[in-house]
C-alpha atoms as a PDB file:
ATOM      1  CA  UNK A   1      77.958 325.770 166.213  1.00  0.00           C
ATOM      2  CA  UNK A   2      81.520 326.256 167.324  1.00  0.00           C
ATOM      3  CA  UNK A   3      82.685 328.719 169.934  1.00  0.00           C
ATOM      4  CA  UNK A   4      86.017 330.273 170.829  1.00  0.00           C
ATOM      5  CA  UNK A   5      86.814 327.563 173.370  1.00  0.00           C
ATOM      6  CA  UNK A   6      86.489 324.805 170.749  1.00  0.00           C
ATOM      7  CA  UNK A   7      88.346 326.583 167.940  1.00  0.00           C
ATOM      8  CA  UNK A   8      91.947 325.387 167.821  1.00  0.00           C
ATOM      9  CA  UNK A   9      92.874 326.816 164.425  1.00  0.00           C
ATOM     10  CA  UNK A  10      91.691 329.180 161.690  1.00  0.00           C
ATOM     11  CA  UNK A  11      91.577 328.702 157.927  1.00  0.00           C
ATOM     12  CA  UNK A  12      93.183 331.527 155.954  1.00  0.00           C
ATOM     13  CA  UNK A  13      92.028 332.483 152.473  1.00  0.00           C
ATOM     14  CA  UNK A  14      94.343 331.112 149.756  1.00  0.00           C
ATOM     15  CA  UNK A  15      95.284 333.067 146.633  1.00  0.00           C
ATOM     16  CA  UNK A  16      94.653 330.051 144.407  1.00  0.00           C
ATOM     17  CA  UNK A  17      93.252 326.525 144.569  1.00  0.00           C
ATOM     18  CA  UNK A  18      95.591 324.901 142.046  1.00  0.00           C
ATOM     19  CA  UNK A  19      98.994 323.640 143.160  1.00  0.00           C
ATOM     20  CA  UNK A  20     100.845 325.326 140.280  1.00  0.00           C
ATOM     21  CA  UNK A  21      99.474 328.777 141.144  1.00  0.00           C
ATOM     22  CA  UNK A  22     100.220 328.234 144.833  1.00  0.00           C
ATOM     23  CA  UNK A  23     103.872 327.587 143.995  1.00  0.00           C
ATOM     24  CA  UNK A  24     103.918 330.644 141.720  1.00  0.00           C
ATOM     25  CA  UNK A  25     102.602 332.750 144.591  1.00  0.00           C
ATOM     26  CA  UNK A  26     105.247 331.270 146.875  1.00  0.00           C
ATOM     27  CA  UNK A  27     108.034 332.412 144.538  1.00  0.00           C
ATOM     28  CA  UNK A  28     106.375 335.803 144.052  1.00  0.00           C
ATOM     29  CA  UNK A  29     106.164 336.449 147.782  1.00  0.00           C
ATOM     30  CA  UNK A  30     109.671 335.114 148.273  1.00  0.00           C
ATOM     31  CA  UNK A  31     110.887 337.757 145.822  1.00  0.00           C
ATOM     32  CA  UNK A  32     108.896 340.443 147.660  1.00  0.00           C
ATOM     33  CA  UNK A  33     110.357 339.337 151.003  1.00  0.00           C
ATOM     34  CA  UNK A  34     113.927 339.300 149.697  1.00  0.00           C
ATOM     35  CA  UNK A  35     113.499 342.732 148.086  1.00  0.00           C
ATOM     36  CA  UNK A  36     112.168 344.150 151.366  1.00  0.00           C
ATOM     37  CA  UNK A  37     114.957 342.468 153.331  1.00  0.00           C
ATOM     38  CA  UNK A  38     117.689 343.754 151.018  1.00  0.00           C
ATOM     39  CA  UNK A  39     116.324 347.305 150.694  1.00  0.00           C
ATOM     40  CA  UNK A  40     115.537 347.888 154.348  1.00  0.00           C
ATOM     41  CA  UNK A  41     118.586 345.924 155.496  1.00  0.00           C
ATOM     42  CA  UNK A  42     120.872 348.165 153.446  1.00  0.00           C
ATOM     43  CA  UNK A  43     119.255 351.293 154.904  1.00  0.00           C
ATOM     44  CA  UNK A  44     119.549 349.950 158.465  1.00  0.00           C
ATOM     45  CA  UNK A  45     123.206 348.941 158.140  1.00  0.00           C
ATOM     46  CA  UNK A  46     124.158 352.090 156.196  1.00  0.00           C
ATOM     47  CA  UNK A  47     122.562 354.508 158.669  1.00  0.00           C
ATOM     48  CA  UNK A  48     123.932 352.572 161.643  1.00  0.00           C
ATOM     49  CA  UNK A  49     127.510 352.295 160.329  1.00  0.00           C
ATOM     50  CA  UNK A  50     127.985 355.653 158.570  1.00  0.00           C
ATOM     51  CA  UNK A  51     128.843 358.440 161.017  1.00  0.00           C
ATOM     52  CA  UNK A  52     127.599 361.093 158.557  1.00  0.00           C
ATOM     53  CA  UNK A  53     124.075 359.665 158.821  1.00  0.00           C
ATOM     54  CA  UNK A  54     123.872 359.821 162.613  1.00  0.00           C
ATOM     55  CA  UNK A  55     121.258 362.602 162.482  1.00  0.00           C
ATOM     56  CA  UNK A  56     117.602 362.708 163.628  1.00  0.00           C
ATOM     57  CA  UNK A  57     116.360 362.337 160.057  1.00  0.00           C
ATOM     58  CA  UNK A  58     118.226 359.079 159.462  1.00  0.00           C
ATOM     59  CA  UNK A  59     117.610 357.817 162.996  1.00  0.00           C
ATOM     60  CA  UNK A  60     113.879 357.922 162.291  1.00  0.00           C
ATOM     61  CA  UNK A  61     114.444 356.378 158.859  1.00  0.00           C
ATOM     62  CA  UNK A  62     116.333 353.500 160.508  1.00  0.00           C
ATOM     63  CA  UNK A  63     113.361 352.906 162.817  1.00  0.00           C
ATOM     64  CA  UNK A  64     110.965 353.050 159.863  1.00  0.00           C
ATOM     65  CA  UNK A  65     112.983 350.460 157.936  1.00  0.00           C
ATOM     66  CA  UNK A  66     113.102 348.222 160.998  1.00  0.00           C
ATOM     67  CA  UNK A  67     109.313 348.488 161.411  1.00  0.00           C
ATOM     68  CA  UNK A  68     108.772 347.753 157.713  1.00  0.00           C
ATOM     69  CA  UNK A  69     110.882 344.614 157.992  1.00  0.00           C
ATOM     70  CA  UNK A  70     109.026 343.482 161.105  1.00  0.00           C
ATOM     71  CA  UNK A  71     105.649 344.215 159.520  1.00  0.00           C
ATOM     72  CA  UNK A  72     106.217 342.150 156.382  1.00  0.00           C
ATOM     73  CA  UNK A  73     107.752 339.371 158.505  1.00  0.00           C
ATOM     74  CA  UNK A  74     104.494 338.870 160.427  1.00  0.00           C
ATOM     75  CA  UNK A  75     102.346 338.069 157.378  1.00  0.00           C
ATOM     76  CA  UNK A  76     104.334 336.920 154.342  1.00  0.00           C
ATOM     77  CA  UNK A  77     106.392 334.013 155.817  1.00  0.00           C
ATOM     78  CA  UNK A  78     103.258 332.286 157.107  1.00  0.00           C
ATOM     79  CA  UNK A  79     101.542 332.667 153.747  1.00  0.00           C
ATOM     80  CA  UNK A  80     104.625 331.305 151.965  1.00  0.00           C
ATOM     81  CA  UNK A  81     104.783 328.291 154.295  1.00  0.00           C
ATOM     82  CA  UNK A  82     101.094 327.546 153.724  1.00  0.00           C
ATOM     83  CA  UNK A  83     101.506 327.846 149.945  1.00  0.00           C
ATOM     84  CA  UNK A  84     104.481 325.481 150.007  1.00  0.00           C
ATOM     85  CA  UNK A  85     102.720 322.920 152.187  1.00  0.00           C
ATOM     86  CA  UNK A  86      99.347 323.279 150.421  1.00  0.00           C
ATOM     87  CA  UNK A  87      97.476 324.146 153.617  1.00  0.00           C
ATOM     88  CA  UNK A  88      95.388 327.015 154.980  1.00  0.00           C
ATOM     89  CA  UNK A  89      95.780 326.352 158.702  1.00  0.00           C
ATOM     90  CA  UNK A  90      97.010 328.735 161.356  1.00  0.00           C
ATOM     91  CA  UNK A  91      96.711 327.930 165.047  1.00  0.00           C
ATOM     92  CA  UNK A  92      94.477 329.949 167.375  1.00  0.00           C
ATOM     93  CA  UNK A  93      97.549 331.233 169.244  1.00  0.00           C
ATOM     94  CA  UNK A  94      99.397 331.882 165.994  1.00  0.00           C
ATOM     95  CA  UNK A  95      96.490 333.921 164.664  1.00  0.00           C
ATOM     96  CA  UNK A  96      96.326 336.002 167.843  1.00  0.00           C
ATOM     97  CA  UNK A  97     100.101 336.572 167.707  1.00  0.00           C
ATOM     98  CA  UNK A  98      99.958 337.511 164.025  1.00  0.00           C
ATOM     99  CA  UNK A  99      97.146 339.999 164.637  1.00  0.00           C
ATOM    100  CA  UNK A 100      98.975 341.538 167.607  1.00  0.00           C
ATOM    101  CA  UNK A 101     102.343 341.940 165.882  1.00  0.00           C
ATOM    102  CA  UNK A 102     100.840 343.223 162.628  1.00  0.00           C
ATOM    103  CA  UNK A 103      98.823 345.874 164.491  1.00  0.00           C
ATOM    104  CA  UNK A 104     101.851 346.682 166.641  1.00  0.00           C
ATOM    105  CA  UNK A 105     104.219 347.307 163.746  1.00  0.00           C
ATOM    106  CA  UNK A 106     101.726 348.963 161.388  1.00  0.00           C
ATOM    107  CA  UNK A 107     100.506 351.335 164.129  1.00  0.00           C
ATOM    108  CA  UNK A 108     104.043 352.214 165.221  1.00  0.00           C
ATOM    109  CA  UNK A 109     104.885 352.772 161.544  1.00  0.00           C
ATOM    110  CA  UNK A 110     102.103 355.343 161.212  1.00  0.00           C
ATOM    111  CA  UNK A 111     103.005 357.119 164.454  1.00  0.00           C
ATOM    112  CA  UNK A 112     106.644 357.240 163.359  1.00  0.00           C
ATOM    113  CA  UNK A 113     105.662 358.797 160.015  1.00  0.00           C
ATOM    114  CA  UNK A 114     103.862 361.473 162.029  1.00  0.00           C
ATOM    115  CA  UNK A 115     107.015 362.160 164.033  1.00  0.00           C
ATOM    116  CA  UNK A 116     109.056 362.305 160.823  1.00  0.00           C
ATOM    117  CA  UNK A 117     106.757 365.056 159.516  1.00  0.00           C
ATOM    118  CA  UNK A 118     107.609 367.054 162.658  1.00  0.00           C
ATOM    119  CA  UNK A 119     111.306 366.463 161.960  1.00  0.00           C
ATOM    120  CA  UNK A 120     110.878 367.880 158.437  1.00  0.00           C
ATOM    121  CA  UNK A 121     108.874 370.828 159.819  1.00  0.00           C
ATOM    122  CA  UNK A 122     111.571 371.775 162.321  1.00  0.00           C
ATOM    123  CA  UNK A 123     114.376 371.302 159.747  1.00  0.00           C
ATOM    124  CA  UNK A 124     112.764 373.693 157.243  1.00  0.00           C
ATOM    125  CA  UNK A 125     110.675 376.092 159.310  1.00  0.00           C
ATOM    126  CA  UNK A 126     112.891 376.344 162.415  1.00  0.00           C
ATOM    127  CA  UNK A 127     116.398 375.382 161.283  1.00  0.00           C
ATOM    128  CA  UNK A 128     118.122 377.435 164.002  1.00  0.00           C
ATOM    129  CA  UNK A 129     116.293 375.472 166.704  1.00  0.00           C
ATOM    130  CA  UNK A 130     116.786 372.060 165.082  1.00  0.00           C
ATOM    131  CA  UNK A 131     119.493 370.779 167.416  1.00  0.00           C
ATOM    132  CA  UNK A 132     117.695 372.104 170.493  1.00  0.00           C
ATOM    133  CA  UNK A 133     114.298 370.599 169.587  1.00  0.00           C
ATOM    134  CA  UNK A 134     115.605 367.352 168.129  1.00  0.00           C
ATOM    135  CA  UNK A 135     118.536 366.329 170.278  1.00  0.00           C
ATOM    136  CA  UNK A 136     119.532 362.715 170.639  1.00  0.00           C
ATOM    137  CA  UNK A 137     117.524 362.238 173.835  1.00  0.00           C
ATOM    138  CA  UNK A 138     114.398 363.814 172.331  1.00  0.00           C
ATOM    139  CA  UNK A 139     114.682 361.594 169.241  1.00  0.00           C
ATOM    140  CA  UNK A 140     114.990 358.452 171.339  1.00  0.00           C
ATOM    141  CA  UNK A 141     111.970 359.480 173.424  1.00  0.00           C
ATOM    142  CA  UNK A 142     109.848 360.198 170.336  1.00  0.00           C
ATOM    143  CA  UNK A 143     110.800 356.918 168.659  1.00  0.00           C
ATOM    144  CA  UNK A 144     110.087 355.035 171.903  1.00  0.00           C
ATOM    145  CA  UNK A 145     106.704 356.787 172.110  1.00  0.00           C
ATOM    146  CA  UNK A 146     105.834 355.584 168.591  1.00  0.00           C
ATOM    147  CA  UNK A 147     106.791 351.985 169.440  1.00  0.00           C
ATOM    148  CA  UNK A 148     104.993 352.176 172.803  1.00  0.00           C
ATOM    149  CA  UNK A 149     101.798 353.637 171.334  1.00  0.00           C
ATOM    150  CA  UNK A 150     101.784 350.926 168.665  1.00  0.00           C
ATOM    151  CA  UNK A 151     102.227 348.252 171.340  1.00  0.00           C
ATOM    152  CA  UNK A 152      99.327 349.528 173.462  1.00  0.00           C
ATOM    153  CA  UNK A 153      97.079 349.945 170.420  1.00  0.00           C
ATOM    154  CA  UNK A 154      97.780 346.369 169.294  1.00  0.00           C
ATOM    155  CA  UNK A 155      97.366 344.953 172.797  1.00  0.00           C
ATOM    156  CA  UNK A 156      93.948 346.561 173.289  1.00  0.00           C
ATOM    157  CA  UNK A 157      92.591 345.446 169.902  1.00  0.00           C
ATOM    158  CA  UNK A 158      93.968 341.898 170.134  1.00  0.00           C
ATOM    159  CA  UNK A 159      92.734 341.347 173.681  1.00  0.00           C
ATOM    160  CA  UNK A 160      89.290 342.652 172.790  1.00  0.00           C
ATOM    161  CA  UNK A 161      89.022 340.710 169.515  1.00  0.00           C
ATOM    162  CA  UNK A 162      89.891 337.358 171.042  1.00  0.00           C
ATOM    163  CA  UNK A 163      87.824 337.917 174.188  1.00  0.00           C
ATOM    164  CA  UNK A 164      84.595 337.773 172.148  1.00  0.00           C
ATOM    165  CA  UNK A 165      82.950 334.359 171.672  1.00  0.00           C
ATOM    166  CA  UNK A 166      83.364 332.990 168.130  1.00  0.00           C
ATOM    167  CA  UNK A 167      80.587 330.879 166.645  1.00  0.00           C
ATOM    168  CA  UNK A 168      80.707 331.807 162.954  1.00  0.00           C
ATOM    169  CA  UNK A 169      83.137 329.067 161.978  1.00  0.00           C
ATOM    170  CA  UNK A 170      86.899 329.377 161.648  1.00  0.00           C
ATOM    171  CA  UNK A 171      87.364 330.573 158.036  1.00  0.00           C
ATOM    172  CA  UNK A 172      89.092 333.974 157.876  1.00  0.00           C
ATOM    173  CA  UNK A 173      88.425 335.704 154.552  1.00  0.00           C
ATOM    174  CA  UNK A 174      91.977 337.066 154.300  1.00  0.00           C
ATOM    175  CA  UNK A 175      95.457 335.646 153.773  1.00  0.00           C
ATOM    176  CA  UNK A 176      96.490 336.724 157.283  1.00  0.00           C
ATOM    177  CA  UNK A 177      94.658 337.380 160.546  1.00  0.00           C
ATOM    178  CA  UNK A 178      93.074 340.830 160.736  1.00  0.00           C
ATOM    179  CA  UNK A 179      90.587 342.092 163.309  1.00  0.00           C
ATOM    180  CA  UNK A 180      87.605 342.941 161.019  1.00  0.00           C
ATOM    181  CA  UNK A 181      87.509 339.450 159.505  1.00  0.00           C
ATOM    182  CA  UNK A 182      87.841 337.729 162.882  1.00  0.00           C
ATOM    183  CA  UNK A 183      85.066 339.908 164.328  1.00  0.00           C
ATOM    184  CA  UNK A 184      82.795 338.647 161.542  1.00  0.00           C
ATOM    185  CA  UNK A 185      83.063 335.216 163.180  1.00  0.00           C
ATOM    186  CA  UNK A 186      81.844 336.541 166.532  1.00  0.00           C
ATOM    187  CA  UNK A 187      78.413 335.581 167.775  1.00  0.00           C
ATOM    188  CA  UNK A 188      78.371 338.317 170.402  1.00  0.00           C
ATOM    189  CA  UNK A 189      76.145 341.360 169.934  1.00  0.00           C
ATOM    190  CA  UNK A 190      78.038 343.413 172.501  1.00  0.00           C
ATOM    191  CA  UNK A 191      80.165 345.464 170.144  1.00  0.00           C
ATOM    192  CA  UNK A 192      80.399 348.400 172.546  1.00  0.00           C
ATOM    193  CA  UNK A 193      84.017 347.757 173.517  1.00  0.00           C
ATOM    194  CA  UNK A 194      85.139 347.232 169.918  1.00  0.00           C
ATOM    195  CA  UNK A 195      83.178 350.296 168.783  1.00  0.00           C
ATOM    196  CA  UNK A 196      84.921 352.333 171.478  1.00  0.00           C
ATOM    197  CA  UNK A 197      88.338 351.046 170.398  1.00  0.00           C
ATOM    198  CA  UNK A 198      87.546 351.746 166.754  1.00  0.00           C
ATOM    199  CA  UNK A 199      86.514 355.303 167.604  1.00  0.00           C
ATOM    200  CA  UNK A 200      89.736 355.746 169.593  1.00  0.00           C
ATOM    201  CA  UNK A 201      91.793 354.347 166.694  1.00  0.00           C
ATOM    202  CA  UNK A 202      90.031 356.618 164.196  1.00  0.00           C
ATOM    203  CA  UNK A 203      90.638 359.652 166.394  1.00  0.00           C
ATOM    204  CA  UNK A 204      94.343 358.775 166.738  1.00  0.00           C
ATOM    205  CA  UNK A 205      94.688 358.181 162.999  1.00  0.00           C
ATOM    206  CA  UNK A 206      92.798 361.366 162.155  1.00  0.00           C
ATOM    207  CA  UNK A 207      94.804 363.376 164.670  1.00  0.00           C
ATOM    208  CA  UNK A 208      98.080 362.102 163.212  1.00  0.00           C
ATOM    209  CA  UNK A 209      96.862 362.806 159.679  1.00  0.00           C
ATOM    210  CA  UNK A 210      95.832 366.362 160.581  1.00  0.00           C
ATOM    211  CA  UNK A 211      99.226 366.893 162.221  1.00  0.00           C
ATOM    212  CA  UNK A 212     101.017 365.667 159.078  1.00  0.00           C
ATOM    213  CA  UNK A 213      98.892 367.849 156.787  1.00  0.00           C
ATOM    214  CA  UNK A 214      99.371 370.866 159.063  1.00  0.00           C
ATOM    215  CA  UNK A 215     103.129 370.332 159.138  1.00  0.00           C
ATOM    216  CA  UNK A 216     103.327 370.207 155.356  1.00  0.00           C
ATOM    217  CA  UNK A 217     101.164 373.302 154.952  1.00  0.00           C
ATOM    218  CA  UNK A 218     103.695 375.196 157.064  1.00  0.00           C
ATOM    219  CA  UNK A 219     106.593 373.538 155.223  1.00  0.00           C
ATOM    220  CA  UNK A 220     105.313 374.496 151.760  1.00  0.00           C
ATOM    221  CA  UNK A 221     104.682 378.066 152.914  1.00  0.00           C
ATOM    222  CA  UNK A 222     108.258 378.290 154.169  1.00  0.00           C
ATOM    223  CA  UNK A 223     109.693 376.678 151.028  1.00  0.00           C
ATOM    224  CA  UNK A 224     107.850 379.059 148.681  1.00  0.00           C
ATOM    225  CA  UNK A 225     109.395 381.982 150.576  1.00  0.00           C
ATOM    226  CA  UNK A 226     112.935 380.735 149.866  1.00  0.00           C
ATOM    227  CA  UNK A 227     114.380 383.158 147.280  1.00  0.00           C
ATOM    228  CA  UNK A 228     116.748 380.801 145.448  1.00  0.00           C
ATOM    229  CA  UNK A 229     115.549 378.038 143.180  1.00  0.00           C
ATOM    230  CA  UNK A 230     118.347 375.769 144.404  1.00  0.00           C
ATOM    231  CA  UNK A 231     117.228 376.243 148.011  1.00  0.00           C
ATOM    232  CA  UNK A 232     113.622 375.417 147.136  1.00  0.00           C
ATOM    233  CA  UNK A 233     114.729 372.318 145.225  1.00  0.00           C
ATOM    234  CA  UNK A 234     116.823 371.130 148.178  1.00  0.00           C
ATOM    235  CA  UNK A 235     113.935 371.675 150.600  1.00  0.00           C
ATOM    236  CA  UNK A 236     111.472 369.825 148.377  1.00  0.00           C
ATOM    237  CA  UNK A 237     113.905 366.926 147.924  1.00  0.00           C
ATOM    238  CA  UNK A 238     114.025 366.584 151.728  1.00  0.00           C
ATOM    239  CA  UNK A 239     110.237 366.382 152.026  1.00  0.00           C
ATOM    240  CA  UNK A 240     108.956 364.610 148.922  1.00  0.00           C
ATOM    241  CA  UNK A 241     110.167 361.074 149.875  1.00  0.00           C
ATOM    242  CA  UNK A 242     108.405 361.257 153.245  1.00  0.00           C
ATOM    243  CA  UNK A 243     105.277 362.723 151.647  1.00  0.00           C
ATOM    244  CA  UNK A 244     105.237 359.922 149.046  1.00  0.00           C
ATOM    245  CA  UNK A 245     105.569 357.231 151.759  1.00  0.00           C
ATOM    246  CA  UNK A 246     102.767 358.805 153.829  1.00  0.00           C
ATOM    247  CA  UNK A 247     100.524 359.043 150.755  1.00  0.00           C
ATOM    248  CA  UNK A 248     101.120 355.379 149.877  1.00  0.00           C
ATOM    249  CA  UNK A 249     100.468 354.261 153.451  1.00  0.00           C
ATOM    250  CA  UNK A 250      97.320 356.354 153.983  1.00  0.00           C
ATOM    251  CA  UNK A 251      95.763 355.738 150.553  1.00  0.00           C
ATOM    252  CA  UNK A 252      96.127 351.941 150.639  1.00  0.00           C
ATOM    253  CA  UNK A 253      95.104 351.667 154.301  1.00  0.00           C
ATOM    254  CA  UNK A 254      92.086 353.940 153.835  1.00  0.00           C
ATOM    255  CA  UNK A 255      90.860 352.032 150.801  1.00  0.00           C
ATOM    256  CA  UNK A 256      91.284 348.664 152.532  1.00  0.00           C
ATOM    257  CA  UNK A 257      89.319 349.571 155.661  1.00  0.00           C
ATOM    258  CA  UNK A 258      86.947 352.326 154.464  1.00  0.00           C
ATOM    259  CA  UNK A 259      85.923 351.107 151.003  1.00  0.00           C
ATOM    260  CA  UNK A 260      82.163 350.785 150.334  1.00  0.00           C
ATOM    261  CA  UNK A 261      80.636 347.340 151.028  1.00  0.00           C
ATOM    262  CA  UNK A 262      79.616 347.094 147.352  1.00  0.00           C
ATOM    263  CA  UNK A 263      83.333 347.064 146.441  1.00  0.00           C
ATOM    264  CA  UNK A 264      84.054 344.129 148.732  1.00  0.00           C
ATOM    265  CA  UNK A 265      84.925 340.739 147.271  1.00  0.00           C
ATOM    266  CA  UNK A 266      87.529 338.163 148.379  1.00  0.00           C
ATOM    267  CA  UNK A 267      89.830 338.585 145.374  1.00  0.00           C
ATOM    268  CA  UNK A 268      89.805 342.391 145.604  1.00  0.00           C
ATOM    269  CA  UNK A 269      90.394 342.241 149.373  1.00  0.00           C
ATOM    270  CA  UNK A 270      93.408 339.966 148.802  1.00  0.00           C
ATOM    271  CA  UNK A 271      94.976 342.316 146.248  1.00  0.00           C
ATOM    272  CA  UNK A 272      94.374 345.388 148.415  1.00  0.00           C
ATOM    273  CA  UNK A 273      95.825 343.642 151.461  1.00  0.00           C
ATOM    274  CA  UNK A 274      99.006 342.840 149.540  1.00  0.00           C
ATOM    275  CA  UNK A 275      99.236 346.492 148.459  1.00  0.00           C
ATOM    276  CA  UNK A 276      98.696 347.575 152.068  1.00  0.00           C
ATOM    277  CA  UNK A 277     100.948 345.126 153.898  1.00  0.00           C
ATOM    278  CA  UNK A 278     103.513 343.946 151.334  1.00  0.00           C
ATOM    279  CA  UNK A 279     104.216 346.761 148.887  1.00  0.00           C
ATOM    280  CA  UNK A 280     105.221 349.649 151.254  1.00  0.00           C
ATOM    281  CA  UNK A 281     108.143 347.723 152.875  1.00  0.00           C
ATOM    282  CA  UNK A 282     109.508 347.072 149.377  1.00  0.00           C
ATOM    283  CA  UNK A 283     108.849 350.518 147.897  1.00  0.00           C
ATOM    284  CA  UNK A 284     109.835 352.704 150.873  1.00  0.00           C
ATOM    285  CA  UNK A 285     113.620 352.094 150.557  1.00  0.00           C
ATOM    286  CA  UNK A 286     113.433 352.965 146.846  1.00  0.00           C
ATOM    287  CA  UNK A 287     111.499 356.162 147.547  1.00  0.00           C
ATOM    288  CA  UNK A 288     113.906 357.333 150.248  1.00  0.00           C
ATOM    289  CA  UNK A 289     117.086 356.501 148.322  1.00  0.00           C
ATOM    290  CA  UNK A 290     115.924 357.675 144.885  1.00  0.00           C
ATOM    291  CA  UNK A 291     116.728 361.375 145.395  1.00  0.00           C
ATOM    292  CA  UNK A 292     118.961 361.189 148.455  1.00  0.00           C
ATOM    293  CA  UNK A 293     122.606 361.402 147.476  1.00  0.00           C
ATOM    294  CA  UNK A 294     123.854 360.978 151.056  1.00  0.00           C
ATOM    295  CA  UNK A 295     121.964 357.723 151.440  1.00  0.00           C
ATOM    296  CA  UNK A 296     123.014 356.536 147.975  1.00  0.00           C
ATOM    297  CA  UNK A 297     126.679 357.128 148.835  1.00  0.00           C
ATOM    298  CA  UNK A 298     126.315 355.333 152.185  1.00  0.00           C
ATOM    299  CA  UNK A 299     124.567 352.331 150.575  1.00  0.00           C
ATOM    300  CA  UNK A 300     127.169 352.196 147.806  1.00  0.00           C
ATOM    301  CA  UNK A 301     129.946 352.329 150.401  1.00  0.00           C
ATOM    302  CA  UNK A 302     128.262 349.557 152.403  1.00  0.00           C
ATOM    303  CA  UNK A 303     127.818 347.341 149.341  1.00  0.00           C
ATOM    304  CA  UNK A 304     131.392 347.955 148.209  1.00  0.00           C
ATOM    305  CA  UNK A 305     132.656 346.996 151.657  1.00  0.00           C
ATOM    306  CA  UNK A 306     130.568 343.806 151.652  1.00  0.00           C
ATOM    307  CA  UNK A 307     131.770 342.818 148.189  1.00  0.00           C
ATOM    308  CA  UNK A 308     135.399 343.551 149.111  1.00  0.00           C
ATOM    309  CA  UNK A 309     135.085 341.501 152.304  1.00  0.00           C
ATOM    310  CA  UNK A 310     133.546 338.610 150.369  1.00  0.00           C
ATOM    311  CA  UNK A 311     136.314 338.692 147.742  1.00  0.00           C
ATOM    312  CA  UNK A 312     138.979 338.853 150.459  1.00  0.00           C
ATOM    313  CA  UNK A 313     137.371 335.891 152.226  1.00  0.00           C
ATOM    314  CA  UNK A 314     137.278 333.855 149.007  1.00  0.00           C
ATOM    315  CA  UNK A 315     140.918 334.662 148.192  1.00  0.00           C
ATOM    316  CA  UNK A 316     141.985 333.744 151.719  1.00  0.00           C
ATOM    317  CA  UNK A 317     140.104 330.445 151.471  1.00  0.00           C
ATOM    318  CA  UNK A 318     141.699 329.708 148.102  1.00  0.00           C
ATOM    319  CA  UNK A 319     145.189 330.425 149.432  1.00  0.00           C
ATOM    320  CA  UNK A 320     144.555 328.232 152.474  1.00  0.00           C
ATOM    321  CA  UNK A 321     143.417 325.356 150.236  1.00  0.00           C
ATOM    322  CA  UNK A 322     146.549 325.686 148.075  1.00  0.00           C
ATOM    323  CA  UNK A 323     148.814 325.569 151.136  1.00  0.00           C
ATOM    324  CA  UNK A 324     147.092 322.449 152.507  1.00  0.00           C
ATOM    325  CA  UNK A 325     147.405 320.709 149.139  1.00  0.00           C
END
């Protein structure tokens, strides 16, 4: 039997055994990665460059897009490389790093969504106190708290997971390294530390969820008291994108980690993991920009500027070539 000191690499679960399907999955995940990069990249550059979007709402959205990009970058590139090279290997250190960064970014993502619900609550229920409660310094502190809490959460889980002796082989039944599947390889019966961390994680997740639900209960009460239909429509359009993103995140994550054991099978786990880790970074930019005219205008302005700069660069290159000839 192997132990953690003798394990130098893990074997990740492939999506397919045939070479043709592996290449198809490579191109599929390449498309997903490019879509996430383009969507979140446009939101990041638009909110950073457009002065009209330098508000708490878009500051948090910029952080969310950055976290989404980081999250998908920890899992998909490795899977694409393995599909292209027809291998399943990931080093022991690489697996630990992947687990840490995935937990870091996904946890910070969830904490940031909780903060964004508070932003929506203050904007609709306490609009006169919005600038006082959500000044630039307060926003930076709240965003830093989300990143910091995600970092500590990931550090505790990763350190605990890889401190346990592993004697159940090195095959991880997932396409990236996740704590539950690595713990299945442990031969230690002292699960007290991990149980304590899981309880702490559940309490944090439940507390954040209750906070989000409570915020939206107050928001909907305030919105229904708005006399004009136009005012109610505007308020709902501010909240629905965030509510849709939270619902997608919570529903997929809950089903992945809390589904009944009878529902568990490798192929289903793979599909659910893609929905959980790969789909939100692609869908979130679409959800936030679909009914947000300010963001649409900023993205359109950014794209127009990029296209104009590219055309100008090409024309300048063409003129320079003509002069040299």
